[in-house]
C-alpha atoms as a PDB file:
ATOM      1  CA  MET A   1     -64.195 -52.789 -15.246  1.00  0.00           C
ATOM      2  CA  LEU A   2     -63.470 -54.519 -11.951  1.00  0.00           C
ATOM      3  CA  LEU A   3     -59.733 -55.002 -12.515  1.00  0.00           C
ATOM      4  CA  PRO A   4     -58.616 -51.539 -11.270  1.00  0.00           C
ATOM      5  CA  PHE A   5     -60.450 -52.129  -7.982  1.00  0.00           C
ATOM      6  CA  ILE A   6     -59.104 -55.684  -7.661  1.00  0.00           C
ATOM      7  CA  ASN A   7     -55.533 -54.553  -8.373  1.00  0.00           C
ATOM      8  CA  ALA A   8     -55.828 -51.740  -5.831  1.00  0.00           C
ATOM      9  CA  GLY A   9     -57.088 -54.207  -3.231  1.00  0.00           C
ATOM     10  CA  ILE A  10     -54.257 -56.651  -3.929  1.00  0.00           C
ATOM     11  CA  LYS A  11     -51.657 -53.902  -3.393  1.00  0.00           C
ATOM     12  CA  ARG A  12     -53.118 -53.081   0.022  1.00  0.00           C
ATOM     13  CA  LEU A  13     -53.135 -56.678   1.259  1.00  0.00           C
ATOM     14  CA  THR A  14     -50.244 -58.427   2.922  1.00  0.00           C
ATOM     15  CA  GLN A  15     -49.111 -61.778   1.537  1.00  0.00           C
ATOM     16  CA  LYS A  16     -50.758 -63.683   4.404  1.00  0.00           C
ATOM     17  CA  GLN A  17     -54.033 -61.799   3.972  1.00  0.00           C
ATOM     18  CA  LEU A  18     -54.048 -62.553   0.249  1.00  0.00           C
ATOM     19  CA  GLU A  19     -53.261 -66.216   0.938  1.00  0.00           C
ATOM     20  CA  ARG A  20     -56.163 -66.510   3.384  1.00  0.00           C
ATOM     21  CA  ILE A  21     -58.620 -64.837   1.018  1.00  0.00           C
ATOM     22  CA  ILE A  22     -57.598 -67.031  -1.913  1.00  0.00           C
ATOM     23  CA  ALA A  23     -57.621 -70.186   0.242  1.00  0.00           C
ATOM     24  CA  ALA A  24     -61.142 -69.411   1.471  1.00  0.00           C
ATOM     25  CA  LEU A  25     -62.407 -68.629  -2.036  1.00  0.00           C
ATOM     26  CA  LEU A  26     -60.839 -71.758  -3.527  1.00  0.00           C
ATOM     27  CA  LEU A  27     -62.132 -73.948  -0.709  1.00  0.00           C
ATOM     28  CA  PHE A  28     -65.677 -72.729  -1.246  1.00  0.00           C
ATOM     29  CA  THR A  29     -65.681 -72.631  -5.047  1.00  0.00           C
ATOM     30  CA  MET A  30     -63.909 -75.977  -5.502  1.00  0.00           C
ATOM     31  CA  THR A  31     -66.233 -77.631  -2.987  1.00  0.00           C
ATOM     32  CA  SER A  32     -69.218 -76.232  -4.843  1.00  0.00           C
ATOM     33  CA  GLY A  33     -67.661 -77.578  -8.018  1.00  0.00           C
ATOM     34  CA  MET A  34     -67.972 -81.104  -6.666  1.00  0.00           C
ATOM     35  CA  LEU A  35     -71.156 -80.856  -4.588  1.00  0.00           C
ATOM     36  CA  GLY A  36     -73.297 -78.351  -6.459  1.00  0.00           C
ATOM     37  CA  HIS A  37     -73.332 -75.561  -9.014  1.00  0.00           C
ATOM     38  CA  PHE A  38     -74.376 -72.612  -6.806  1.00  0.00           C
ATOM     39  CA  PHE A  39     -73.444 -69.323  -8.505  1.00  0.00           C
ATOM     40  CA  VAL A  40     -70.068 -70.521  -9.802  1.00  0.00           C
ATOM     41  CA  GLN A  41     -71.748 -72.199 -12.798  1.00  0.00           C
ATOM     42  CA  ASP A  42     -69.049 -74.861 -13.222  1.00  0.00           C
ATOM     43  CA  GLY A  43     -66.435 -72.144 -13.746  1.00  0.00           C
ATOM     44  CA  TYR A  44     -68.359 -70.229 -16.414  1.00  0.00           C
ATOM     45  CA  SER A  45     -69.100 -67.236 -14.184  1.00  0.00           C
ATOM     46  CA  ALA A  46     -67.459 -63.839 -13.741  1.00  0.00           C
ATOM     47  CA  PHE A  47     -66.919 -64.673 -10.065  1.00  0.00           C
ATOM     48  CA  TRP A  48     -64.759 -67.670 -11.000  1.00  0.00           C
ATOM     49  CA  LEU A  49     -62.715 -65.531 -13.401  1.00  0.00           C
ATOM     50  CA  ILE A  50     -62.026 -63.129 -10.515  1.00  0.00           C
ATOM     51  CA  VAL A  51     -60.906 -66.023  -8.302  1.00  0.00           C
ATOM     52  CA  MET A  52     -58.541 -67.248 -11.025  1.00  0.00           C
ATOM     53  CA  TYR A  53     -57.222 -63.706 -11.507  1.00  0.00           C
ATOM     54  CA  LEU A  54     -56.406 -63.540  -7.795  1.00  0.00           C
ATOM     55  CA  VAL A  55     -54.614 -66.899  -8.022  1.00  0.00           C
ATOM     56  CA  GLY A  56     -52.571 -65.629 -10.974  1.00  0.00           C
ATOM     57  CA  ALA A  57     -51.706 -62.431  -9.111  1.00  0.00           C
ATOM     58  CA  TYR A  58     -50.589 -64.460  -6.097  1.00  0.00           C
ATOM     59  CA  LEU A  59     -48.354 -66.676  -8.247  1.00  0.00           C
ATOM     60  CA  LYS A  60     -46.761 -63.583  -9.752  1.00  0.00           C
ATOM     61  CA  ILE A  61     -46.189 -61.910  -6.383  1.00  0.00           C
ATOM     62  CA  THR A  62     -44.856 -64.931  -4.469  1.00  0.00           C
ATOM     63  CA  THR A  63     -42.303 -66.247  -6.942  1.00  0.00           C
ATOM     64  CA  HIS A  64     -40.017 -67.431  -4.110  1.00  0.00           C
ATOM     65  CA  ASN A  65     -42.694 -69.835  -2.874  1.00  0.00           C
ATOM     66  CA  VAL A  66     -43.329 -71.137  -6.369  1.00  0.00           C
ATOM     67  CA  LYS A  67     -39.633 -71.838  -6.918  1.00  0.00           C
ATOM     68  CA  ARG A  68     -39.632 -74.286  -4.003  1.00  0.00           C
ATOM     69  CA  VAL A  69     -41.656 -76.729  -6.090  1.00  0.00           C
ATOM     70  CA  SER A  70     -39.528 -78.424  -8.739  1.00  0.00           C
ATOM     71  CA  SER A  71     -40.675 -78.882 -12.323  1.00  0.00           C
ATOM     72  CA  ARG A  72     -40.673 -82.643 -11.808  1.00  0.00           C
ATOM     73  CA  GLN A  73     -43.013 -82.324  -8.829  1.00  0.00           C
ATOM     74  CA  LEU A  74     -45.316 -80.064 -10.834  1.00  0.00           C
ATOM     75  CA  MET A  75     -45.417 -82.577 -13.678  1.00  0.00           C
ATOM     76  CA  LEU A  76     -46.227 -85.401 -11.250  1.00  0.00           C
ATOM     77  CA  ILE A  77     -49.003 -83.271  -9.732  1.00  0.00           C
ATOM     78  CA  PHE A  78     -50.422 -82.572 -13.189  1.00  0.00           C
ATOM     79  CA  ILE A  79     -50.353 -86.240 -14.214  1.00  0.00           C
ATOM     80  CA  GLY A  80     -51.734 -87.377 -10.844  1.00  0.00           C
ATOM     81  CA  MET A  81     -54.683 -84.952 -10.907  1.00  0.00           C
ATOM     82  CA  THR A  82     -55.451 -85.913 -14.512  1.00  0.00           C
ATOM     83  CA  LEU A  83     -55.510 -89.611 -13.647  1.00  0.00           C
ATOM     84  CA  ILE A  84     -57.732 -88.987 -10.615  1.00  0.00           C
ATOM     85  CA  SER A  85     -60.165 -87.028 -12.797  1.00  0.00           C
ATOM     86  CA  LEU A  86     -60.265 -89.776 -15.427  1.00  0.00           C
ATOM     87  CA  PHE A  87     -60.736 -92.480 -12.786  1.00  0.00           C
ATOM     88  CA  GLY A  88     -63.477 -90.502 -11.050  1.00  0.00           C
ATOM     89  CA  GLU A  89     -65.226 -89.846 -14.351  1.00  0.00           C
ATOM     90  CA  ALA A  90     -65.086 -93.542 -15.271  1.00  0.00           C
ATOM     91  CA  ILE A  91     -66.559 -94.554 -11.894  1.00  0.00           C
ATOM     92  CA  SER A  92     -69.264 -91.896 -12.190  1.00  0.00           C
ATOM     93  CA  ILE A  93     -70.231 -92.996 -15.715  1.00  0.00           C
ATOM     94  CA  LYS A  94     -70.516 -96.638 -14.668  1.00  0.00           C
ATOM     95  CA  PHE A  95     -72.061 -96.417 -11.201  1.00  0.00           C
ATOM     96  CA  ILE A  96     -72.979 -92.942  -9.960  1.00  0.00           C
ATOM     97  CA  GLY A  97     -73.700 -90.522 -12.797  1.00  0.00           C
ATOM     98  CA  HIS A  98     -72.941 -86.784 -12.941  1.00  0.00           C
ATOM     99  CA  SER A  99     -69.562 -87.438 -14.511  1.00  0.00           C
ATOM    100  CA  ASP A 100     -69.287 -83.801 -15.625  1.00  0.00           C
ATOM    101  CA  ILE A 101     -68.331 -82.658 -12.109  1.00  0.00           C
ATOM    102  CA  TRP A 102     -64.851 -84.158 -12.554  1.00  0.00           C
ATOM    103  CA  LEU A 103     -64.191 -82.019 -15.629  1.00  0.00           C
ATOM    104  CA  ALA A 104     -65.719 -78.737 -14.442  1.00  0.00           C
ATOM    105  CA  TYR A 105     -63.383 -75.742 -14.411  1.00  0.00           C
ATOM    106  CA  ASN A 106     -63.737 -75.412 -10.639  1.00  0.00           C
ATOM    107  CA  SER A 107     -63.223 -79.103  -9.888  1.00  0.00           C
ATOM    108  CA  PRO A 108     -60.365 -79.456  -7.341  1.00  0.00           C
ATOM    109  CA  MET A 109     -58.380 -81.697  -9.668  1.00  0.00           C
ATOM    110  CA  VAL A 110     -58.778 -79.368 -12.648  1.00  0.00           C
ATOM    111  CA  VAL A 111     -57.803 -76.331 -10.566  1.00  0.00           C
ATOM    112  CA  ILE A 112     -54.694 -77.976  -9.123  1.00  0.00           C
ATOM    113  CA  GLU A 113     -53.491 -79.379 -12.442  1.00  0.00           C
ATOM    114  CA  SER A 114     -54.172 -76.031 -14.143  1.00  0.00           C
ATOM    115  CA  ILE A 115     -52.072 -74.161 -11.580  1.00  0.00           C
ATOM    116  CA  ALA A 116     -49.296 -76.733 -11.991  1.00  0.00           C
ATOM    117  CA  ILE A 117     -49.227 -76.440 -15.782  1.00  0.00           C
ATOM    118  CA  VAL A 118     -49.319 -72.611 -15.638  1.00  0.00           C
ATOM    119  CA  ILE A 119     -46.269 -72.586 -13.362  1.00  0.00           C
ATOM    120  CA  LEU A 120     -44.500 -75.018 -15.707  1.00  0.00           C
ATOM    121  CA  PHE A 121     -45.235 -72.751 -18.683  1.00  0.00           C
ATOM    122  CA  THR A 122     -43.800 -69.731 -16.846  1.00  0.00           C
ATOM    123  CA  ARG A 123     -40.495 -71.587 -16.566  1.00  0.00           C
ATOM    124  CA  ILE A 124     -40.120 -71.912 -20.317  1.00  0.00           C
ATOM    125  CA  ARG A 125     -37.480 -69.471 -21.521  1.00  0.00           C
ATOM    126  CA  VAL A 126     -38.014 -68.115 -25.037  1.00  0.00           C
ATOM    127  CA  LYS A 127     -34.767 -66.666 -26.405  1.00  0.00           C
ATOM    128  CA  SER A 128     -35.933 -65.850 -29.916  1.00  0.00           C
ATOM    129  CA  VAL A 129     -36.938 -62.179 -30.183  1.00  0.00           C
ATOM    130  CA  ARG A 130     -39.197 -62.939 -33.144  1.00  0.00           C
ATOM    131  CA  LEU A 131     -41.004 -65.656 -31.197  1.00  0.00           C
ATOM    132  CA  GLN A 132     -41.339 -63.340 -28.195  1.00  0.00           C
ATOM    133  CA  LYS A 133     -43.066 -60.727 -30.372  1.00  0.00           C
ATOM    134  CA  CYS A 134     -45.326 -63.403 -31.860  1.00  0.00           C
ATOM    135  CA  LEU A 135     -46.328 -64.643 -28.404  1.00  0.00           C
ATOM    136  CA  ALA A 136     -46.904 -61.087 -27.167  1.00  0.00           C
ATOM    137  CA  ARG A 137     -49.273 -60.479 -30.086  1.00  0.00           C
ATOM    138  CA  PHE A 138     -51.250 -63.727 -30.006  1.00  0.00           C
ATOM    139  CA  THR A 139     -51.296 -64.645 -26.298  1.00  0.00           C
ATOM    140  CA  PRO A 140     -54.083 -62.124 -25.438  1.00  0.00           C
ATOM    141  CA  LEU A 141     -56.185 -63.672 -28.217  1.00  0.00           C
ATOM    142  CA  THR A 142     -56.245 -67.050 -26.457  1.00  0.00           C
ATOM    143  CA  PHE A 143     -58.939 -65.747 -24.110  1.00  0.00           C
ATOM    144  CA  SER A 144     -61.282 -65.861 -27.088  1.00  0.00           C
ATOM    145  CA  VAL A 145     -60.947 -69.656 -27.048  1.00  0.00           C
ATOM    146  CA  TYR A 146     -62.600 -69.702 -23.617  1.00  0.00           C
ATOM    147  CA  LEU A 147     -65.281 -67.189 -24.627  1.00  0.00           C
ATOM    148  CA  ILE A 148     -66.287 -68.977 -27.839  1.00  0.00           C
ATOM    149  CA  ASP A 149     -66.088 -72.474 -26.386  1.00  0.00           C
ATOM    150  CA  SER A 150     -68.214 -71.490 -23.380  1.00  0.00           C
ATOM    151  CA  ASN A 151     -70.796 -69.754 -25.541  1.00  0.00           C
ATOM    152  CA  HIS A 152     -74.154 -71.516 -25.169  1.00  0.00           C
ATOM    153  CA  ALA A 153     -75.050 -71.023 -28.830  1.00  0.00           C
ATOM    154  CA  PHE A 154     -71.772 -72.562 -30.010  1.00  0.00           C
ATOM    155  CA  TYR A 155     -72.184 -75.481 -27.631  1.00  0.00           C
ATOM    156  CA  GLY A 156     -75.810 -76.040 -28.638  1.00  0.00           C
ATOM    157  CA  PHE A 157     -75.187 -76.002 -32.391  1.00  0.00           C
ATOM    158  CA  VAL A 158     -71.656 -77.428 -32.657  1.00  0.00           C
ATOM    159  CA  THR A 159     -69.907 -79.206 -29.790  1.00  0.00           C
ATOM    160  CA  HIS A 160     -73.021 -80.692 -28.191  1.00  0.00           C
ATOM    161  CA  SER A 161     -73.474 -83.339 -30.876  1.00  0.00           C
ATOM    162  CA  ALA A 162     -70.614 -82.877 -33.343  1.00  0.00           C
ATOM    163  CA  PHE A 163     -68.381 -85.539 -31.798  1.00  0.00           C
ATOM    164  CA  THR A 164     -70.853 -88.240 -30.795  1.00  0.00           C
ATOM    165  CA  PHE A 165     -69.409 -90.491 -33.504  1.00  0.00           C
ATOM    166  CA  ILE A 166     -66.242 -90.884 -31.414  1.00  0.00           C
ATOM    167  CA  ARG A 167     -68.077 -93.326 -29.126  1.00  0.00           C
ATOM    168  CA  VAL A 168     -67.940 -96.055 -31.749  1.00  0.00           C
ATOM    169  CA  GLN A 169     -64.299 -95.441 -32.631  1.00  0.00           C
ATOM    170  CA  ASN A 170     -61.227 -97.265 -31.382  1.00  0.00           C
ATOM    171  CA  VAL A 171     -59.825 -95.741 -28.174  1.00  0.00           C
ATOM    172  CA  MET A 172     -56.586 -94.525 -29.777  1.00  0.00           C
ATOM    173  CA  VAL A 173     -58.425 -93.228 -32.844  1.00  0.00           C
ATOM    174  CA  GLY A 174     -60.900 -91.453 -30.588  1.00  0.00           C
ATOM    175  CA  TYR A 175     -58.130 -89.759 -28.597  1.00  0.00           C
ATOM    176  CA  LEU A 176     -56.399 -88.726 -31.828  1.00  0.00           C
ATOM    177  CA  ILE A 177     -59.616 -87.184 -33.177  1.00  0.00           C
ATOM    178  CA  ILE A 178     -60.195 -85.304 -29.915  1.00  0.00           C
ATOM    179  CA  ILE A 179     -56.635 -83.924 -29.868  1.00  0.00           C
ATOM    180  CA  MET A 180     -56.759 -82.873 -33.533  1.00  0.00           C
ATOM    181  CA  ALA A 181     -60.193 -81.293 -33.125  1.00  0.00           C
ATOM    182  CA  SER A 182     -59.093 -79.445 -29.966  1.00  0.00           C
ATOM    183  CA  VAL A 183     -55.969 -78.065 -31.634  1.00  0.00           C
ATOM    184  CA  GLY A 184     -57.963 -77.119 -34.731  1.00  0.00           C
ATOM    185  CA  MET A 185     -60.623 -75.307 -32.686  1.00  0.00           C
ATOM    186  CA  PHE A 186     -57.972 -73.569 -30.591  1.00  0.00           C
ATOM    187  CA  VAL A 187     -56.169 -72.217 -33.657  1.00  0.00           C
ATOM    188  CA  GLY A 188     -59.434 -71.435 -35.446  1.00  0.00           C
ATOM    189  CA  PHE A 189     -60.821 -69.408 -32.536  1.00  0.00           C
ATOM    190  CA  ILE A 190     -57.592 -67.414 -32.271  1.00  0.00           C
ATOM    191  CA  VAL A 191     -57.680 -66.658 -36.005  1.00  0.00           C
ATOM    192  CA  CYS A 192     -61.316 -65.548 -35.716  1.00  0.00           C
ATOM    193  CA  ASP A 193     -60.545 -63.214 -32.825  1.00  0.00           C
ATOM    194  CA  TYR A 194     -57.502 -61.846 -34.639  1.00  0.00           C
ATOM    195  CA  GLY A 195     -59.697 -61.043 -37.630  1.00  0.00           C
ATOM    196  CA  ARG A 196     -62.256 -59.402 -35.333  1.00  0.00           C
ATOM    197  CA  ALA A 197     -59.556 -57.259 -33.687  1.00  0.00           C
ATOM    198  CA  GLN A 198     -58.191 -56.148 -37.056  1.00  0.00           C
ATOM    199  CA  LEU A 199     -61.688 -55.349 -38.319  1.00  0.00           C
ATOM    200  CA  PHE A 200     -62.516 -53.243 -35.267  1.00  0.00           C
ATOM    201  CA  ARG A 201     -59.148 -51.491 -35.522  1.00  0.00           C
ATOM    202  CA  LYS A 202     -59.847 -50.432 -39.102  1.00  0.00           C
ATOM    203  CA  CYS A 203     -63.501 -49.653 -38.476  1.00  0.00           C
ATOM    204  CA  PRO A 204     -64.074 -48.376 -34.877  1.00  0.00           C
ATOM    205  CA  GLN A 205     -67.702 -47.512 -35.684  1.00  0.00           C
ATOM    206  CA  LEU A 206     -68.433 -51.200 -36.214  1.00  0.00           C
ATOM    207  CA  LYS A 207     -67.272 -51.939 -32.661  1.00  0.00           C
ATOM    208  CA  LEU A 208     -69.770 -49.434 -31.255  1.00  0.00           C
ATOM    209  CA  VAL A 209     -72.562 -50.985 -33.320  1.00  0.00           C
ATOM    210  CA  MET A 210     -71.681 -54.489 -32.068  1.00  0.00           C
ATOM    211  CA  ILE A 211     -71.594 -53.317 -28.432  1.00  0.00           C
ATOM    212  CA  GLY A 212     -74.995 -51.684 -28.898  1.00  0.00           C
ATOM    213  CA  ARG A 213     -76.450 -54.839 -30.460  1.00  0.00           C
ATOM    214  CA  GLU A 214     -75.082 -57.025 -27.674  1.00  0.00           C
ATOM    215  CA  THR A 215     -76.463 -54.696 -24.992  1.00  0.00           C
ATOM    216  CA  ILE A 216     -79.906 -54.587 -26.584  1.00  0.00           C
ATOM    217  CA  GLY A 217     -79.859 -58.349 -27.150  1.00  0.00           C
ATOM    218  CA  TYR A 218     -78.963 -58.975 -23.522  1.00  0.00           C
ATOM    219  CA  HIS A 219     -81.854 -56.871 -22.195  1.00  0.00           C
ATOM    220  CA  VAL A 220     -84.308 -58.375 -24.689  1.00  0.00           C
ATOM    221  CA  ASN A 221     -83.247 -61.886 -23.751  1.00  0.00           C
ATOM    222  CA  LYS A 222     -83.537 -61.031 -20.050  1.00  0.00           C
ATOM    223  CA  PHE A 223     -87.015 -59.614 -20.574  1.00  0.00           C
ATOM    224  CA  VAL A 224     -88.183 -62.643 -22.572  1.00  0.00           C
ATOM    225  CA  THR A 225     -86.781 -65.027 -19.949  1.00  0.00           C
ATOM    226  CA  SER A 226     -88.430 -63.189 -17.052  1.00  0.00           C
ATOM    227  CA  TRP A 227     -91.725 -62.921 -18.955  1.00  0.00           C
ATOM    228  CA  GLY A 228     -91.708 -66.621 -19.792  1.00  0.00           C
ATOM    229  CA  SER A 229     -91.143 -67.602 -16.155  1.00  0.00           C
ATOM    230  CA  ARG A 230     -94.347 -65.875 -15.056  1.00  0.00           C
END
């Protein structure tokens, strides 16, 4: 609902104005990612999605600036930020605590490495027409991976305790399990969303029913929460 207004605003801004707005937003949100949650909610908020949308729009508009950074430099940035995050997490686990701040979506290291890897992906040239059509069909479904993974119910019943056994595994075995589980969940979530899209396409009435249930559930949950806090 907000995208038409955001797109209209982007078109009216100069490149420098857009750069200043994005720099200010990133400075605040990434700082809050390390020092406190505030309203960014570790990157699970609509506000953070808007910030990331603005970053993506800027990368698309200013392609000449992006081209100045070589693929090798981007890869070094990605590896460097990943190592800093792992080192910071290890130090936090052993001495400080609050190790989750290093892996939050709005952590400075995660943001920088994410931007680097996105730019690297945009430089991949797909020549196969069949593969291009496949990517065009399934790429929009990848957003469902974020939505399902960030769902509190899914986290509470599945990911919160499903992989605790990895702690007693060998390091290499543990990494292998994590990679395989991540790939499996990624593919599984896409398949689920593809099935949902096909179901709603064949039965539009079902989509209206689901929207109505979600709306009612949201207001009921909000009422129960506010009543319980009294």
